[in-house]
Amino acid sequence: LSDLQYRLIGREVSITYPNYWTPLDWNSRIHHLSRLQLGEEIIYDETN
């Protein structure tokens, strides 16, 4: 968490998430992040 805060707060990132709907989030405000990218660096990726 500390490393992510230091590296990413105030920086532009690219976020990838799946388009799906659930009644627990009826207004689609919360998204399960599948990929997080800072420039060309992939910080997190579960898309294989």
All heavy atoms as atom14 arrays in JSON, in Angstrom:
{
  "sequence": "LSDLQYRLIGREVSITYPNYWTPLDWNSRIHHLSRLQLGEEIIYDETN",
  "atom14_mask": [
    [1, 1, 1, 1, 1, 1, 1, 1, 0, 0, 0, 0, 0, 0],
    [1, 1, 1, 1, 1, 1, 0, 0, 0, 0, 0, 0, 0, 0],
    [1, 1, 1, 1, 1, 1, 1, 1, 0, 0, 0, 0, 0, 0],
    [1, 1, 1, 1, 1, 1, 1, 1, 0, 0, 0, 0, 0, 0],
    [1, 1, 1, 1, 1, 1, 1, 1, 1, 0, 0, 0, 0, 0],
    [1, 1, 1, 1, 1, 1, 1, 1, 1, 1, 1, 1, 0, 0],
    [1, 1, 1, 1, 1, 1, 1, 1, 1, 1, 1, 0, 0, 0],
    [1, 1, 1, 1, 1, 1, 1, 1, 0, 0, 0, 0, 0, 0],
    [1, 1, 1, 1, 1, 1, 1, 1, 0, 0, 0, 0, 0, 0],
    [1, 1, 1, 1, 0, 0, 0, 0, 0, 0, 0, 0, 0, 0],
    [1, 1, 1, 1, 1, 1, 1, 1, 1, 1, 1, 0, 0, 0],
    [1, 1, 1, 1, 1, 1, 1, 1, 1, 0, 0, 0, 0, 0],
    [1, 1, 1, 1, 1, 1, 1, 0, 0, 0, 0, 0, 0, 0],
    [1, 1, 1, 1, 1, 1, 0, 0, 0, 0, 0, 0, 0, 0],
    [1, 1, 1, 1, 1, 1, 1, 1, 0, 0, 0, 0, 0, 0],
    [1, 1, 1, 1, 1, 1, 1, 0, 0, 0, 0, 0, 0, 0],
    [1, 1, 1, 1, 1, 1, 1, 1, 1, 1, 1, 1, 0, 0],
    [1, 1, 1, 1, 1, 1, 1, 0, 0, 0, 0, 0, 0, 0],
    [1, 1, 1, 1, 1, 1, 1, 1, 0, 0, 0, 0, 0, 0],
    [1, 1, 1, 1, 1, 1, 1, 1, 1, 1, 1, 1, 0, 0],
    [1, 1, 1, 1, 1, 1, 1, 1, 1, 1, 1, 1, 1, 1],
    [1, 1, 1, 1, 1, 1, 1, 0, 0, 0, 0, 0, 0, 0],
    [1, 1, 1, 1, 1, 1, 1, 0, 0, 0, 0, 0, 0, 0],
    [1, 1, 1, 1, 1, 1, 1, 1, 0, 0, 0, 0, 0, 0],
    [1, 1, 1, 1, 1, 1, 1, 1, 0, 0, 0, 0, 0, 0],
    [1, 1, 1, 1, 1, 1, 1, 1, 1, 1, 1, 1, 1, 1],
    [1, 1, 1, 1, 1, 1, 1, 1, 0, 0, 0, 0, 0, 0],
    [1, 1, 1, 1, 1, 1, 0, 0, 0, 0, 0, 0, 0, 0],
    [1, 1, 1, 1, 1, 1, 1, 1, 1, 1, 1, 0, 0, 0],
    [1, 1, 1, 1, 1, 1, 1, 1, 0, 0, 0, 0, 0, 0],
    [1, 1, 1, 1, 1, 1, 1, 1, 1, 1, 0, 0, 0, 0],
    [1, 1, 1, 1, 1, 1, 1, 1, 1, 1, 0, 0, 0, 0],
    [1, 1, 1, 1, 1, 1, 1, 1, 0, 0, 0, 0, 0, 0],
    [1, 1, 1, 1, 1, 1, 0, 0, 0, 0, 0, 0, 0, 0],
    [1, 1, 1, 1, 1, 1, 1, 1, 1, 1, 1, 0, 0, 0],
    [1, 1, 1, 1, 1, 1, 1, 1, 0, 0, 0, 0, 0, 0],
    [1, 1, 1, 1, 1, 1, 1, 1, 1, 0, 0, 0, 0, 0],
    [1, 1, 1, 1, 1, 1, 1, 1, 0, 0, 0, 0, 0, 0],
    [1, 1, 1, 1, 0, 0, 0, 0, 0, 0, 0, 0, 0, 0],
    [1, 1, 1, 1, 1, 1, 1, 1, 1, 0, 0, 0, 0, 0],
    [1, 1, 1, 1, 1, 1, 1, 1, 1, 0, 0, 0, 0, 0],
    [1, 1, 1, 1, 1, 1, 1, 1, 0, 0, 0, 0, 0, 0],
    [1, 1, 1, 1, 1, 1, 1, 1, 0, 0, 0, 0, 0, 0],
    [1, 1, 1, 1, 1, 1, 1, 1, 1, 1, 1, 1, 0, 0],
    [1, 1, 1, 1, 1, 1, 1, 1, 0, 0, 0, 0, 0, 0],
    [1, 1, 1, 1, 1, 1, 1, 1, 1, 0, 0, 0, 0, 0],
    [1, 1, 1, 1, 1, 1, 1, 0, 0, 0, 0, 0, 0, 0],
    [1, 1, 1, 1, 1, 1, 1, 1, 0, 0, 0, 0, 0, 0]
  ],
  "atom14_positions": [
    [[0.82, -1.21, 0.0], [0.0, 0.0, 0.0], [0.86, 1.27, 0.0], [0.62, 2.19, -0.79], [-0.95, -0.02, 1.2], [-2.07, 0.99, 1.2], [-2.99, 0.81, 0.0], [-2.88, 0.87, 2.48], [0.0, 0.0, 0.0], [0.0, 0.0, 0.0], [0.0, 0.0, 0.0], [0.0, 0.0, 0.0], [0.0, 0.0, 0.0], [0.0, 0.0, 0.0]],
    [[1.86, 1.33, 0.85], [2.72, 2.51, 0.92], [3.46, 2.74, -0.39], [3.57, 3.88, -0.86], [3.74, 2.37, 2.06], [3.08, 2.31, 3.29], [0.0, 0.0, 0.0], [0.0, 0.0, 0.0], [0.0, 0.0, 0.0], [0.0, 0.0, 0.0], [0.0, 0.0, 0.0], [0.0, 0.0, 0.0], [0.0, 0.0, 0.0], [0.0, 0.0, 0.0]],
    [[3.95, 1.68, -1.0], [4.66, 1.8, -2.27], [3.73, 2.31, -3.37], [4.09, 3.19, -4.15], [5.26, 0.44, -2.67], [5.97, 0.5, -4.01], [6.93, 1.29, -4.13], [5.55, -0.23, -4.93], [0.0, 0.0, 0.0], [0.0, 0.0, 0.0], [0.0, 0.0, 0.0], [0.0, 0.0, 0.0], [0.0, 0.0, 0.0], [0.0, 0.0, 0.0]],
    [[2.52, 1.75, -3.41], [1.55, 2.2, -4.42], [1.2, 3.68, -4.22], [1.12, 4.43, -5.19], [0.28, 1.34, -4.35], [0.42, -0.1, -4.82], [-0.83, -0.89, -4.47], [0.7, -0.16, -6.32], [0.0, 0.0, 0.0], [0.0, 0.0, 0.0], [0.0, 0.0, 0.0], [0.0, 0.0, 0.0], [0.0, 0.0, 0.0], [0.0, 0.0, 0.0]],
    [[1.0, 4.09, -2.98], [0.68, 5.49, -2.7], [1.82, 6.4, -3.14], [1.6, 7.42, -3.79], [0.39, 5.67, -1.2], [-0.9, 5.03, -0.77], [-1.04, 4.96, 0.74], [-0.06, 4.94, 1.48], [-2.28, 4.9, 1.21], [0.0, 0.0, 0.0], [0.0, 0.0, 0.0], [0.0, 0.0, 0.0], [0.0, 0.0, 0.0], [0.0, 0.0, 0.0]],
    [[3.04, 6.02, -2.82], [4.21, 6.83, -3.17], [4.36, 6.95, -4.69], [4.63, 8.02, -5.21], [5.47, 6.2, -2.54], [6.74, 6.9, -2.95], [7.1, 8.11, -2.36], [7.58, 6.35, -3.91], [8.27, 8.76, -2.73], [8.74, 6.99, -4.29], [9.09, 8.2, -3.7], [10.23, 8.83, -4.08], [0.0, 0.0, 0.0], [0.0, 0.0, 0.0]],
    [[4.18, 5.83, -5.39], [4.42, 5.8, -6.83], [3.28, 6.36, -7.67], [3.51, 6.85, -8.77], [4.68, 4.36, -7.27], [6.0, 3.82, -6.76], [6.19, 2.37, -7.08], [6.17, 2.14, -8.52], [5.9, 0.97, -9.07], [5.62, -0.08, -8.32], [5.92, 0.83, -10.37], [0.0, 0.0, 0.0], [0.0, 0.0, 0.0], [0.0, 0.0, 0.0]],
    [[2.03, 6.27, -7.17], [0.9, 6.53, -8.05], [0.07, 7.76, -7.74], [-0.56, 8.31, -8.64], [-0.02, 5.3, -8.1], [0.63, 4.01, -8.58], [-0.36, 2.87, -8.52], [1.21, 4.16, -9.97], [0.0, 0.0, 0.0], [0.0, 0.0, 0.0], [0.0, 0.0, 0.0], [0.0, 0.0, 0.0], [0.0, 0.0, 0.0], [0.0, 0.0, 0.0]],
    [[0.02, 8.21, -6.49], [-0.82, 9.37, -6.18], [-0.31, 10.59, -6.94], [0.87, 10.9, -6.94], [-0.9, 9.62, -4.67], [-1.72, 8.5, -4.01], [-1.52, 10.99, -4.36], [-1.88, 8.59, -2.52], [0.0, 0.0, 0.0], [0.0, 0.0, 0.0], [0.0, 0.0, 0.0], [0.0, 0.0, 0.0], [0.0, 0.0, 0.0], [0.0, 0.0, 0.0]],
    [[-1.25, 11.24, -7.65], [-0.92, 12.4, -8.45], [-0.45, 12.06, -9.86], [-0.18, 12.96, -10.65], [0.0, 0.0, 0.0], [0.0, 0.0, 0.0], [0.0, 0.0, 0.0], [0.0, 0.0, 0.0], [0.0, 0.0, 0.0], [0.0, 0.0, 0.0], [0.0, 0.0, 0.0], [0.0, 0.0, 0.0], [0.0, 0.0, 0.0], [0.0, 0.0, 0.0]],
    [[-0.37, 10.78, -10.19], [0.1, 10.36, -11.5], [-1.07, 9.8, -12.31], [-2.03, 9.26, -11.77], [1.18, 9.26, -11.38], [2.27, 9.59, -10.41], [3.61, 10.02, -10.92], [4.09, 9.63, -12.19], [5.07, 8.77, -12.41], [5.64, 8.13, -11.4], [5.48, 8.53, -13.63], [0.0, 0.0, 0.0], [0.0, 0.0, 0.0], [0.0, 0.0, 0.0]],
    [[-0.96, 9.91, -13.64], [-2.0, 9.37, -14.51], [-1.76, 7.89, -14.76], [-0.65, 7.48, -15.1], [-2.05, 10.11, -15.84], [-3.23, 9.64, -16.68], [-3.52, 10.52, -17.86], [-3.35, 11.74, -17.76], [-3.94, 9.95, -18.89], [0.0, 0.0, 0.0], [0.0, 0.0, 0.0], [0.0, 0.0, 0.0], [0.0, 0.0, 0.0], [0.0, 0.0, 0.0]],
    [[-2.8, 7.11, -14.55], [-2.73, 5.66, -14.76], [-3.82, 5.24, -15.74], [-4.76, 5.99, -16.02], [-2.92, 4.88, -13.43], [-1.8, 5.19, -12.45], [-4.28, 5.17, -12.81], [0.0, 0.0, 0.0], [0.0, 0.0, 0.0], [0.0, 0.0, 0.0], [0.0, 0.0, 0.0], [0.0, 0.0, 0.0], [0.0, 0.0, 0.0], [0.0, 0.0, 0.0]],
    [[-3.67, 4.04, -16.24], [-4.69, 3.41, -17.08], [-5.25, 2.23, -16.29], [-4.49, 1.43, -15.74], [-4.04, 2.93, -18.38], [-4.98, 2.22, -19.15], [0.0, 0.0, 0.0], [0.0, 0.0, 0.0], [0.0, 0.0, 0.0], [0.0, 0.0, 0.0], [0.0, 0.0, 0.0], [0.0, 0.0, 0.0], [0.0, 0.0, 0.0], [0.0, 0.0, 0.0]],
    [[-6.56, 2.16, -16.2], [-7.25, 1.1, -15.45], [-8.15, 0.33, -16.41], [-8.89, 0.92, -17.19], [-8.08, 1.71, -14.3], [-7.15, 2.27, -13.23], [-9.06, 0.69, -13.72], [-7.86, 2.95, -12.08], [0.0, 0.0, 0.0], [0.0, 0.0, 0.0], [0.0, 0.0, 0.0], [0.0, 0.0, 0.0], [0.0, 0.0, 0.0], [0.0, 0.0, 0.0]],
    [[-8.06, -0.98, -16.33], [-8.92, -1.86, -17.14], [-9.81, -2.65, -16.19], [-9.33, -3.17, -15.17], [-8.07, -2.84, -17.97], [-7.18, -2.08, -18.79], [-8.94, -3.71, -18.85], [0.0, 0.0, 0.0], [0.0, 0.0, 0.0], [0.0, 0.0, 0.0], [0.0, 0.0, 0.0], [0.0, 0.0, 0.0], [0.0, 0.0, 0.0], [0.0, 0.0, 0.0]],
    [[-11.09, -2.73, -16.51], [-12.02, -3.51, -15.7], [-13.1, -4.11, -16.6], [-13.35, -3.61, -17.68], [-12.64, -2.67, -14.58], [-13.46, -1.49, -15.04], [-14.83, -1.61, -15.21], [-12.86, -0.26, -15.27], [-15.59, -0.52, -15.62], [-13.61, 0.82, -15.68], [-14.98, 0.69, -15.85], [-15.72, 1.77, -16.25], [0.0, 0.0, 0.0], [0.0, 0.0, 0.0]],
    [[-13.72, -5.22, -16.16], [-14.76, -5.84, -16.98], [-16.09, -5.09, -16.86], [-16.43, -4.57, -15.8], [-14.88, -7.26, -16.4], [-14.47, -7.1, -14.97], [-13.44, -6.01, -14.96], [0.0, 0.0, 0.0], [0.0, 0.0, 0.0], [0.0, 0.0, 0.0], [0.0, 0.0, 0.0], [0.0, 0.0, 0.0], [0.0, 0.0, 0.0], [0.0, 0.0, 0.0]],
    [[-16.81, -5.03, -17.95], [-18.13, -4.42, -17.98], [-19.15, -5.48, -17.55], [-19.43, -6.41, -18.31], [-18.44, -3.91, -19.39], [-19.76, -3.2, -19.46], [-20.29, -2.74, -18.46], [-20.29, -3.1, -20.67], [0.0, 0.0, 0.0], [0.0, 0.0, 0.0], [0.0, 0.0, 0.0], [0.0, 0.0, 0.0], [0.0, 0.0, 0.0], [0.0, 0.0, 0.0]],
    [[-19.65, -5.35, -16.35], [-20.69, -6.26, -15.86], [-21.5, -5.55, -14.79], [-21.09, -4.53, -14.27], [-20.08, -7.57, -15.32], [-19.51, -7.45, -13.93], [-20.21, -7.94, -12.83], [-18.29, -6.83, -13.69], [-19.7, -7.81, -11.55], [-17.78, -6.69, -12.43], [-18.49, -7.2, -11.36], [-18.0, -7.06, -10.09], [0.0, 0.0, 0.0], [0.0, 0.0, 0.0]],
    [[-22.66, -6.11, -14.47], [-23.57, -5.49, -13.52], [-23.93, -6.49, -12.44], [-24.06, -7.69, -12.68], [-24.83, -5.02, -14.24], [-25.79, -4.32, -13.34], [-25.77, -3.01, -12.97], [-26.92, -4.9, -12.66], [-26.8, -2.74, -12.11], [-27.53, -3.88, -11.9], [-27.46, -6.18, -12.62], [-28.65, -4.1, -11.11], [-28.58, -6.4, -11.83], [-29.17, -5.36, -11.09]],
    [[-24.08, -6.0, -11.21], [-24.55, -6.81, -10.11], [-25.51, -5.98, -9.26], [-25.31, -4.76, -9.13], [-23.38, -7.32, -9.23], [-23.9, -7.98, -8.07], [-22.47, -6.19, -8.78], [0.0, 0.0, 0.0], [0.0, 0.0, 0.0], [0.0, 0.0, 0.0], [0.0, 0.0, 0.0], [0.0, 0.0, 0.0], [0.0, 0.0, 0.0], [0.0, 0.0, 0.0]],
    [[-26.53, -6.58, -8.68], [-27.46, -5.82, -7.83], [-26.78, -5.24, -6.59], [-27.28, -4.29, -6.0], [-28.52, -6.84, -7.42], [-28.27, -8.06, -8.19], [-26.96, -7.96, -8.86], [0.0, 0.0, 0.0], [0.0, 0.0, 0.0], [0.0, 0.0, 0.0], [0.0, 0.0, 0.0], [0.0, 0.0, 0.0], [0.0, 0.0, 0.0], [0.0, 0.0, 0.0]],
    [[-25.63, -5.78, -6.19], [-24.91, -5.22, -5.04], [-24.34, -3.85, -5.35], [-24.04, -3.07, -4.45], [-23.78, -6.17, -4.61], [-24.23, -7.51, -4.07], [-23.01, -8.38, -3.77], [-25.09, -7.36, -2.83], [0.0, 0.0, 0.0], [0.0, 0.0, 0.0], [0.0, 0.0, 0.0], [0.0, 0.0, 0.0], [0.0, 0.0, 0.0], [0.0, 0.0, 0.0]],
    [[-24.15, -3.56, -6.64], [-23.66, -2.26, -7.08], [-24.57, -1.81, -8.22], [-24.16, -1.67, -9.36], [-22.2, -2.38, -7.55], [-21.63, -1.06, -8.02], [-22.07, 0.0, -7.55], [-20.73, -1.1, -8.88], [0.0, 0.0, 0.0], [0.0, 0.0, 0.0], [0.0, 0.0, 0.0], [0.0, 0.0, 0.0], [0.0, 0.0, 0.0], [0.0, 0.0, 0.0]],
    [[-25.82, -1.55, -7.89], [-26.86, -1.3, -8.89], [-26.56, -0.1, -9.79], [-27.01, -0.04, -10.92], [-28.22, -1.15, -8.22], [-28.25, -0.01, -7.24], [-27.93, -0.06, -5.92], [-28.57, 1.34, -7.51], [-28.03, 1.17, -5.35], [-28.43, 2.07, -6.31], [-28.98, 2.03, -8.65], [-28.68, 3.43, -6.21], [-29.22, 3.39, -8.54], [-29.07, 4.07, -7.34]],
    [[-25.76, 0.88, -9.3], [-25.47, 2.06, -10.12], [-24.08, 2.01, -10.75], [-23.58, 3.01, -11.25], [-25.65, 3.35, -9.31], [-24.73, 3.44, -8.12], [-24.02, 2.49, -7.78], [-24.72, 4.57, -7.46], [0.0, 0.0, 0.0], [0.0, 0.0, 0.0], [0.0, 0.0, 0.0], [0.0, 0.0, 0.0], [0.0, 0.0, 0.0], [0.0, 0.0, 0.0]],
    [[-23.45, 0.85, -10.72], [-22.14, 0.6, -11.35], [-21.09, 1.63, -10.94], [-20.42, 2.22, -11.76], [-22.28, 0.54, -12.87], [-23.07, -0.55, -13.23], [0.0, 0.0, 0.0], [0.0, 0.0, 0.0], [0.0, 0.0, 0.0], [0.0, 0.0, 0.0], [0.0, 0.0, 0.0], [0.0, 0.0, 0.0], [0.0, 0.0, 0.0], [0.0, 0.0, 0.0]],
    [[-20.93, 1.81, -9.65], [-19.99, 2.79, -9.12], [-18.67, 2.14, -8.68], [-17.64, 2.8, -8.6], [-20.62, 3.52, -7.94], [-19.8, 4.69, -7.48], [-20.57, 5.57, -6.51], [-19.67, 6.59, -6.03], [-18.97, 6.49, -4.91], [-19.09, 5.44, -4.14], [-18.15, 7.46, -4.54], [0.0, 0.0, 0.0], [0.0, 0.0, 0.0], [0.0, 0.0, 0.0]],
    [[-18.68, 0.86, -8.39], [-17.51, 0.15, -7.89], [-17.08, -0.88, -8.92], [-17.9, -1.67, -9.39], [-17.82, -0.53, -6.54], [-18.28, 0.52, -5.54], [-16.62, -1.3, -6.03], [-18.87, -0.06, -4.27], [0.0, 0.0, 0.0], [0.0, 0.0, 0.0], [0.0, 0.0, 0.0], [0.0, 0.0, 0.0], [0.0, 0.0, 0.0], [0.0, 0.0, 0.0]],
    [[-15.78, -0.87, -9.27], [-15.31, -1.75, -10.34], [-14.12, -2.58, -9.9], [-13.18, -2.07, -9.3], [-14.91, -0.92, -11.57], [-16.02, -0.08, -12.09], [-17.09, -0.61, -12.77], [-16.26, 1.25, -11.99], [-17.92, 0.36, -13.09], [-17.44, 1.5, -12.63], [0.0, 0.0, 0.0], [0.0, 0.0, 0.0], [0.0, 0.0, 0.0], [0.0, 0.0, 0.0]],
    [[-14.18, -3.85, -10.23], [-13.09, -4.79, -9.98], [-11.99, -4.53, -11.01], [-12.18, -4.75, -12.2], [-13.61, -6.22, -10.11], [-12.55, -7.25, -9.99], [-12.16, -7.76, -8.78], [-11.79, -7.85, -10.93], [-11.21, -8.65, -8.99], [-10.96, -8.72, -10.28], [0.0, 0.0, 0.0], [0.0, 0.0, 0.0], [0.0, 0.0, 0.0], [0.0, 0.0, 0.0]],
    [[-10.87, -4.02, -10.56], [-9.77, -3.65, -11.43], [-9.04, -4.91, -11.92], [-8.66, -5.75, -11.12], [-8.83, -2.76, -10.61], [-7.72, -2.0, -11.28], [-7.43, -0.77, -10.46], [-6.5, -2.83, -11.43], [0.0, 0.0, 0.0], [0.0, 0.0, 0.0], [0.0, 0.0, 0.0], [0.0, 0.0, 0.0], [0.0, 0.0, 0.0], [0.0, 0.0, 0.0]],
    [[-8.88, -5.03, -13.23], [-8.2, -6.19, -13.81], [-6.76, -5.87, -14.23], [-5.93, -6.76, -14.27], [-8.95, -6.68, -15.04], [-10.25, -7.06, -14.71], [0.0, 0.0, 0.0], [0.0, 0.0, 0.0], [0.0, 0.0, 0.0], [0.0, 0.0, 0.0], [0.0, 0.0, 0.0], [0.0, 0.0, 0.0], [0.0, 0.0, 0.0], [0.0, 0.0, 0.0]],
    [[-6.52, -4.62, -14.59], [-5.16, -4.2, -14.98], [-4.96, -2.76, -14.55], [-5.83, -1.93, -14.73], [-4.96, -4.34, -16.47], [-3.53, -3.95, -16.91], [-3.34, -4.0, -18.39], [-3.31, -5.37, -18.84], [-3.45, -5.74, -20.11], [-3.62, -4.85, -21.05], [-3.42, -7.01, -20.44], [0.0, 0.0, 0.0], [0.0, 0.0, 0.0], [0.0, 0.0, 0.0]],
    [[-3.76, -2.5, -14.0], [-3.36, -1.16, -13.61], [-2.03, -0.88, -14.28], [-1.08, -1.65, -14.12], [-3.23, -1.07, -12.09], [-2.69, 0.23, -11.51], [-3.64, 1.38, -11.79], [-2.45, 0.09, -10.02], [0.0, 0.0, 0.0], [0.0, 0.0, 0.0], [0.0, 0.0, 0.0], [0.0, 0.0, 0.0], [0.0, 0.0, 0.0], [0.0, 0.0, 0.0]],
    [[-1.98, 0.22, -15.01], [-0.79, 0.53, -15.78], [-0.38, 1.98, -15.56], [-1.21, 2.87, -15.56], [-1.09, 0.27, -17.26], [0.11, 0.19, -18.13], [-0.25, -0.41, -19.5], [-1.27, -1.07, -19.67], [0.6, -0.17, -20.46], [0.0, 0.0, 0.0], [0.0, 0.0, 0.0], [0.0, 0.0, 0.0], [0.0, 0.0, 0.0], [0.0, 0.0, 0.0]],
    [[0.92, 2.2, -15.38], [1.51, 3.52, -15.26], [2.45, 3.68, -16.46], [3.5, 3.05, -16.5], [2.29, 3.66, -13.95], [3.08, 4.95, -13.75], [2.14, 6.15, -13.66], [3.93, 4.85, -12.49], [0.0, 0.0, 0.0], [0.0, 0.0, 0.0], [0.0, 0.0, 0.0], [0.0, 0.0, 0.0], [0.0, 0.0, 0.0], [0.0, 0.0, 0.0]],
    [[2.02, 4.47, -17.44], [2.8, 4.57, -18.67], [2.86, 3.2, -19.34], [1.84, 2.56, -19.56], [0.0, 0.0, 0.0], [0.0, 0.0, 0.0], [0.0, 0.0, 0.0], [0.0, 0.0, 0.0], [0.0, 0.0, 0.0], [0.0, 0.0, 0.0], [0.0, 0.0, 0.0], [0.0, 0.0, 0.0], [0.0, 0.0, 0.0], [0.0, 0.0, 0.0]],
    [[4.06, 2.73, -19.6], [4.24, 1.41, -20.2], [4.38, 0.31, -19.14], [4.38, -0.87, -19.48], [5.48, 1.41, -21.11], [5.35, 2.32, -22.32], [4.19, 1.91, -23.23], [4.05, 0.7, -23.52], [3.43, 2.8, -23.65], [0.0, 0.0, 0.0], [0.0, 0.0, 0.0], [0.0, 0.0, 0.0], [0.0, 0.0, 0.0], [0.0, 0.0, 0.0]],
    [[4.51, 0.7, -17.87], [4.72, -0.27, -16.8], [3.38, -0.83, -16.3], [2.49, -0.08, -15.91], [5.45, 0.37, -15.62], [5.68, -0.57, -14.48], [6.27, 0.1, -13.25], [6.44, 1.35, -13.25], [6.54, -0.61, -12.27], [0.0, 0.0, 0.0], [0.0, 0.0, 0.0], [0.0, 0.0, 0.0], [0.0, 0.0, 0.0], [0.0, 0.0, 0.0]],
    [[3.27, -2.14, -16.32], [2.07, -2.78, -15.78], [2.32, -3.06, -14.3], [3.2, -3.84, -13.94], [1.73, -4.07, -16.55], [1.37, -3.71, -18.0], [0.58, -4.81, -15.86], [1.11, -4.89, -18.89], [0.0, 0.0, 0.0], [0.0, 0.0, 0.0], [0.0, 0.0, 0.0], [0.0, 0.0, 0.0], [0.0, 0.0, 0.0], [0.0, 0.0, 0.0]],
    [[1.55, -2.4, -13.45], [1.68, -2.53, -12.0], [0.96, -3.79, -11.53], [1.43, -4.5, -10.65], [1.06, -1.31, -11.28], [1.63, 0.01, -11.8], [1.18, -1.42, -9.78], [3.06, 0.27, -11.46], [0.0, 0.0, 0.0], [0.0, 0.0, 0.0], [0.0, 0.0, 0.0], [0.0, 0.0, 0.0], [0.0, 0.0, 0.0], [0.0, 0.0, 0.0]],
    [[-0.2, -4.07, -12.1], [-1.02, -5.22, -11.73], [-1.75, -5.71, -12.96], [-2.23, -4.91, -13.76], [-2.04, -4.82, -10.64], [-2.98, -5.93, -10.28], [-2.58, -6.95, -9.42], [-4.26, -5.99, -10.81], [-3.44, -7.98, -9.1], [-5.12, -7.02, -10.49], [-4.7, -8.02, -9.64], [-5.56, -9.05, -9.33], [0.0, 0.0, 0.0], [0.0, 0.0, 0.0]],
    [[-1.82, -7.04, -13.12], [-2.51, -7.59, -14.29], [-3.05, -8.97, -13.99], [-2.3, -9.87, -13.62], [-1.54, -7.67, -15.48], [-2.21, -8.08, -16.77], [-3.45, -8.04, -16.85], [-1.49, -8.43, -17.71], [0.0, 0.0, 0.0], [0.0, 0.0, 0.0], [0.0, 0.0, 0.0], [0.0, 0.0, 0.0], [0.0, 0.0, 0.0], [0.0, 0.0, 0.0]],
    [[-4.35, -9.14, -14.1], [-4.95, -10.46, -13.97], [-5.61, -10.89, -15.28], [-6.41, -11.8, -15.3], [-5.93, -10.52, -12.81], [-7.15, -9.68, -12.97], [-8.12, -9.77, -11.81], [-7.7, -10.0, -10.66], [-9.32, -9.6, -12.04], [0.0, 0.0, 0.0], [0.0, 0.0, 0.0], [0.0, 0.0, 0.0], [0.0, 0.0, 0.0], [0.0, 0.0, 0.0]],
    [[-5.25, -10.2, -16.37], [-5.83, -10.52, -17.68], [-4.97, -11.5, -18.46], [-5.25, -11.78, -19.61], [-6.02, -9.25, -18.53], [-4.73, -8.72, -18.86], [-6.86, -8.22, -17.83], [0.0, 0.0, 0.0], [0.0, 0.0, 0.0], [0.0, 0.0, 0.0], [0.0, 0.0, 0.0], [0.0, 0.0, 0.0], [0.0, 0.0, 0.0], [0.0, 0.0, 0.0]],
    [[-3.91, -12.0, -17.83], [-2.98, -12.92, -18.48], [-2.37, -12.32, -19.74], [-2.16, -13.01, -20.73], [-3.66, -14.26, -18.79], [-4.14, -14.96, -17.54], [-3.43, -14.97, -16.53], [-5.33, -15.51, -17.58], [0.0, 0.0, 0.0], [0.0, 0.0, 0.0], [0.0, 0.0, 0.0], [0.0, 0.0, 0.0], [0.0, 0.0, 0.0], [0.0, 0.0, 0.0]]
  ]
}
